Amino acid sequence: MRVVFALVLVFATAAVQAQAIQAVTEDTAYTYLEHGRVSGPATEHVRAALTRAGFSDVRIDLYPWARAYAMAESQPNVLIYLIARTPEREDRFKWAGELMRINYHLYKLTAREDVVVDSLDAARRYRVGVMRSDVRQQYLQRNGFAHLVESSGNDANFQKLLAGRVDLVPLPRGDAARLCRKFGIDCATLTPVLALDALTVDLYMAFSPSTDEAVVERLRRAYAALKAEGHLVDID
């Protein structure tokens, strides 16, 4: 009987490891394409955890956030990162591990002297660029912002700011610096006008709700082991 149980366990483990995993993310300062491969510090954490968990059939893709989010909501074995863990999302995904904590600021073009923001209330009168299905959009909607302009991704959102089609955009400092480099502009042309302290969030990797719990637990344990052993450098 012990032999039979051991064989069942071996086959079950092998079946979990053999499942194809698709990891999805968006273009940020922590997740980006480099020489045709999805890279960045957050991606390296995810890749290390998947390797440690023994998943051999893994694909990592970069998409606009709304598309990545929709895939993770509806398809099995989809791992999405960096996704904010909020009360609204708690039961919509299976959470596999915290990757980092992030802070956001509202940014304007420095030359826009007509945009004066010293409080969240003052910011409500302006057009704010956001991304569909993003935690920043949800936060601003909850706080009564009626002039939100949606984009599919960070690049399009930033270009709207540069073109004057929006007045403000919420960004972490790392993304602001990366977008300045990408579009070849001096970051002095941007000014952070308001820290969104209430929007400080933990960003996770999380599986789609239809993913087998054994798959989720395997990655969860692998990532926890890597952190406990000190193999992962903090992302900031």
Protein backbone atom coordinates (compact mmCIF):
# COMPACT_ATOMS: atom_id res chain seq x y z
CA MET A 1 0.00 0.00 0.00
CA ARG A 2 2.85 2.40 0.81
CA VAL A 3 4.41 1.70 -2.59
CA VAL A 4 1.11 2.42 -4.34
CA PHE A 5 0.68 5.66 -2.40
CA ALA A 6 4.24 6.71 -3.25
CA LEU A 7 3.65 6.01 -6.93
CA VAL A 8 0.41 8.00 -6.89
CA LEU A 9 2.24 10.91 -5.25
CA VAL A 10 5.03 10.76 -7.83
CA PHE A 11 2.58 10.74 -10.74
CA ALA A 12 0.52 13.55 -9.20
CA THR A 13 3.63 15.68 -8.72
CA ALA A 14 4.77 14.99 -12.27
CA ALA A 15 1.32 15.95 -13.59
CA VAL A 16 1.44 19.28 -11.76
CA GLN A 17 4.97 20.03 -13.00
CA ALA A 18 4.04 19.13 -16.57
CA GLN A 19 1.23 21.69 -16.79
CA ALA A 20 1.88 24.58 -19.16
CA ILE A 21 2.05 27.96 -17.41
CA GLN A 22 1.57 31.27 -19.17
CA ALA A 23 2.85 34.27 -17.21
CA VAL A 24 1.60 37.70 -18.30
CA THR A 25 2.61 41.21 -17.33
CA GLU A 26 2.77 44.76 -18.73
CA ASP A 27 5.60 47.09 -19.70
CA THR A 28 6.96 48.79 -16.56
CA ALA A 29 10.28 49.72 -14.98
CA TYR A 30 10.30 46.25 -13.40
CA THR A 31 8.98 44.20 -16.36
CA TYR A 32 10.09 44.97 -19.90
CA LEU A 33 11.38 43.55 -23.17
CA GLU A 34 15.15 43.26 -23.50
CA HIS A 35 16.63 41.71 -26.65
CA GLY A 36 13.26 40.18 -27.46
CA ARG A 37 12.85 38.54 -24.04
CA VAL A 38 10.65 39.63 -21.15
CA SER A 39 13.05 40.77 -18.46
CA GLY A 40 13.31 43.15 -15.49
CA PRO A 41 13.80 42.53 -11.76
CA ALA A 42 10.22 41.39 -11.11
CA THR A 43 10.35 39.00 -14.06
CA GLU A 44 13.57 37.46 -12.77
CA HIS A 45 11.87 36.75 -9.42
CA VAL A 46 8.93 35.11 -11.19
CA ARG A 47 11.18 33.12 -13.51
CA ALA A 48 13.32 31.92 -10.58
CA ALA A 49 10.24 30.80 -8.64
CA LEU A 50 8.79 28.91 -11.62
CA THR A 51 12.12 27.18 -12.17
CA ARG A 52 12.43 26.28 -8.50
CA ALA A 53 8.88 24.88 -8.59
CA GLY A 54 9.90 22.58 -11.44
CA PHE A 55 7.60 23.97 -14.13
CA SER A 56 9.30 23.27 -17.44
CA ASP A 57 6.63 24.44 -19.90
CA VAL A 58 6.53 28.18 -19.18
CA ARG A 59 5.85 31.14 -21.44
CA ILE A 60 6.17 34.78 -20.32
CA ASP A 61 4.46 37.48 -22.38
CA LEU A 62 4.11 41.25 -22.25
CA TYR A 63 0.63 42.67 -22.98
CA PRO A 64 -1.37 45.84 -22.38
CA TRP A 65 -2.59 45.58 -18.80
CA ALA A 66 -6.30 45.24 -19.63
CA ARG A 67 -5.58 42.25 -21.88
CA ALA A 68 -3.29 40.58 -19.35
CA TYR A 69 -5.90 41.10 -16.63
CA ALA A 70 -8.70 39.65 -18.78
CA MET A 71 -6.60 36.57 -19.57
CA ALA A 72 -5.84 36.03 -15.90
CA GLU A 73 -9.51 36.30 -14.99
CA SER A 74 -10.76 33.84 -17.59
CA GLN A 75 -8.09 31.28 -18.57
CA PRO A 76 -6.58 28.45 -16.50
CA ASN A 77 -2.87 28.32 -15.62
CA VAL A 78 -2.31 32.03 -16.26
CA LEU A 79 0.04 33.76 -13.83
CA ILE A 80 -0.26 37.56 -13.76
CA TYR A 81 2.26 39.95 -12.23
CA LEU A 82 2.74 42.72 -10.97
CA ILE A 83 -0.85 42.85 -9.70
CA ALA A 84 -1.99 44.86 -6.69
CA ARG A 85 -3.67 42.79 -4.02
CA THR A 86 -6.78 44.75 -3.11
CA PRO A 87 -9.98 43.77 -1.27
CA GLU A 88 -11.91 43.92 -4.56
CA ARG A 89 -9.53 41.41 -6.16
CA GLU A 90 -9.00 39.10 -3.21
CA ASP A 91 -11.42 36.38 -4.36
CA ARG A 92 -10.83 36.87 -8.08
CA PHE A 93 -7.33 35.38 -8.12
CA LYS A 94 -5.17 32.82 -6.35
CA TRP A 95 -2.29 34.70 -4.75
CA ALA A 96 1.13 33.09 -5.07
CA GLY A 97 3.57 35.58 -3.55
CA GLU A 98 4.34 39.24 -2.85
CA LEU A 99 6.98 40.68 -5.18
CA MET A 100 7.28 44.30 -4.06
CA ARG A 101 5.60 47.37 -2.57
CA ILE A 102 5.02 50.43 -4.71
CA ASN A 103 4.17 54.11 -4.18
CA TYR A 104 2.45 56.38 -6.71
CA HIS A 105 2.56 60.12 -7.39
CA LEU A 106 0.45 62.29 -9.64
CA TYR A 107 2.70 63.87 -12.30
CA LYS A 108 2.17 66.91 -14.50
CA LEU A 109 4.29 68.57 -17.16
CA THR A 110 6.48 71.15 -15.41
CA ALA A 111 5.51 73.77 -18.00
CA ARG A 112 1.82 73.41 -17.15
CA GLU A 113 1.62 76.27 -14.64
CA ASP A 114 -2.15 76.20 -15.03
CA VAL A 115 -2.26 72.77 -13.32
CA VAL A 116 -2.14 73.44 -9.58
CA VAL A 117 -2.57 70.43 -7.28
CA ASP A 118 -2.01 70.48 -3.54
CA SER A 119 -4.61 67.91 -2.50
CA LEU A 120 -6.68 65.03 -3.85
CA ASP A 121 -9.69 67.33 -3.94
CA ALA A 122 -7.82 69.84 -6.10
CA ALA A 123 -6.79 67.08 -8.52
CA ARG A 124 -10.39 66.07 -9.25
CA ARG A 125 -10.98 68.98 -11.62
CA TYR A 126 -8.28 67.82 -14.04
CA ARG A 127 -8.15 65.15 -16.75
CA VAL A 128 -6.21 62.20 -15.38
CA GLY A 129 -4.74 59.49 -17.61
CA VAL A 130 -5.28 55.92 -16.39
CA MET A 131 -5.12 52.37 -17.69
CA ARG A 132 -8.15 50.12 -17.97
CA SER A 133 -8.58 47.59 -15.13
CA ASP A 134 -5.64 49.12 -13.26
CA VAL A 135 -5.63 49.71 -9.51
CA ARG A 136 -5.00 53.43 -10.08
CA GLN A 137 -8.15 53.77 -12.15
CA GLN A 138 -10.17 51.94 -9.50
CA TYR A 139 -8.73 54.08 -6.69
CA LEU A 140 -9.48 57.36 -8.46
CA GLN A 141 -13.00 56.25 -9.38
CA ARG A 142 -13.69 55.40 -5.74
CA ASN A 143 -12.49 58.88 -4.81
CA GLY A 144 -14.84 60.75 -7.11
CA PHE A 145 -12.64 61.48 -10.13
CA ALA A 146 -14.99 62.08 -13.04
CA HIS A 147 -12.48 63.10 -15.75
CA LEU A 148 -10.51 59.88 -16.23
CA VAL A 149 -9.08 59.20 -19.69
CA GLU A 150 -8.39 55.51 -20.36
CA SER A 151 -5.44 54.05 -22.25
CA SER A 152 -4.41 50.48 -22.95
CA GLY A 153 -0.92 50.80 -21.45
CA ASN A 154 1.72 52.97 -19.79
CA ASP A 155 3.24 54.21 -23.06
CA ALA A 156 -0.04 55.48 -24.52
CA ASN A 157 -0.98 57.05 -21.20
CA PHE A 158 2.35 58.88 -20.98
CA GLN A 159 2.11 60.08 -24.59
CA LYS A 160 -1.27 61.65 -23.79
CA LEU A 161 0.39 63.62 -20.99
CA LEU A 162 3.17 64.80 -23.33
CA ALA A 163 0.60 65.81 -25.97
CA GLY A 164 -1.56 67.71 -23.48
CA ARG A 165 -4.50 65.34 -23.86
CA VAL A 166 -4.46 64.72 -20.10
CA ASP A 167 -3.29 66.97 -17.31
CA LEU A 168 -2.05 64.41 -14.80
CA VAL A 169 -0.93 60.79 -14.71
CA PRO A 170 -0.36 58.56 -11.64
CA LEU A 171 3.04 56.86 -11.83
CA PRO A 172 5.61 55.26 -9.55
CA ARG A 173 8.96 57.08 -9.69
CA GLY A 174 10.63 54.16 -11.42
CA ASP A 175 8.13 54.19 -14.27
CA ALA A 176 8.38 57.97 -14.64
CA ALA A 177 12.16 57.72 -15.07
CA ARG A 178 11.87 54.78 -17.49
CA LEU A 179 9.28 56.55 -19.66
CA CYS A 180 11.42 59.68 -19.84
CA ARG A 181 14.33 57.59 -21.10
CA LYS A 182 12.14 55.67 -23.54
CA PHE A 183 10.69 58.81 -25.13
CA GLY A 184 13.96 60.74 -25.00
CA ILE A 185 12.88 63.58 -22.75
CA ASP A 186 14.51 65.22 -19.75
CA CYS A 187 12.73 64.13 -16.56
CA ALA A 188 12.92 67.76 -15.42
CA THR A 189 9.99 68.31 -17.78
CA LEU A 190 7.90 66.28 -15.30
CA THR A 191 6.91 67.34 -11.80
CA PRO A 192 5.38 65.09 -9.11
CA VAL A 193 2.62 67.19 -7.58
CA LEU A 194 0.93 64.84 -5.12
CA ALA A 195 1.88 61.62 -3.35
CA LEU A 196 -0.97 59.12 -3.43
CA ASP A 197 -0.11 57.66 -0.04
CA ALA A 198 -3.41 55.82 0.32
CA LEU A 199 -2.61 53.99 -2.92
CA THR A 200 0.62 52.45 -1.60
CA VAL A 201 0.08 48.79 -2.47
CA ASP A 202 1.76 45.40 -2.43
CA LEU A 203 2.26 43.90 -5.88
CA TYR A 204 1.96 40.14 -6.28
CA MET A 205 2.08 37.29 -8.71
CA ALA A 206 -1.30 35.58 -8.81
CA PHE A 207 -2.92 32.74 -10.72
CA SER A 208 -6.22 32.75 -12.55
CA PRO A 209 -9.10 31.46 -10.39
CA SER A 210 -9.57 28.30 -12.49
CA THR A 211 -5.96 27.18 -11.94
CA ASP A 212 -5.50 23.92 -10.03
CA GLU A 213 -4.76 24.64 -6.37
CA ALA A 214 -1.84 22.19 -6.49
CA VAL A 215 -0.17 24.35 -9.14
CA VAL A 216 -0.66 27.48 -7.05
CA GLU A 217 0.67 25.84 -3.89
CA ARG A 218 3.72 24.51 -5.68
CA LEU A 219 4.73 27.97 -6.85
CA ARG A 220 3.84 29.51 -3.49
CA ARG A 221 6.16 27.10 -1.66
CA ALA A 222 8.98 27.51 -4.18
CA TYR A 223 8.89 31.30 -3.94
CA ALA A 224 8.77 31.23 -0.14
CA ALA A 225 11.80 28.91 -0.11
CA LEU A 226 13.81 31.22 -2.40
CA LYS A 227 13.05 34.19 -0.15
CA ALA A 228 13.87 32.29 3.03
CA GLU A 229 17.19 31.18 1.58
CA GLY A 230 18.11 34.75 0.64
CA HIS A 231 18.37 34.11 -3.10
CA LEU A 232 16.20 37.08 -4.12
CA VAL A 233 17.25 40.73 -3.88
CA ASP A 234 14.50 43.15 -2.83
CA ILE A 235 12.93 45.04 -5.73
CA ASP A 236 12.76 48.81 -5.36
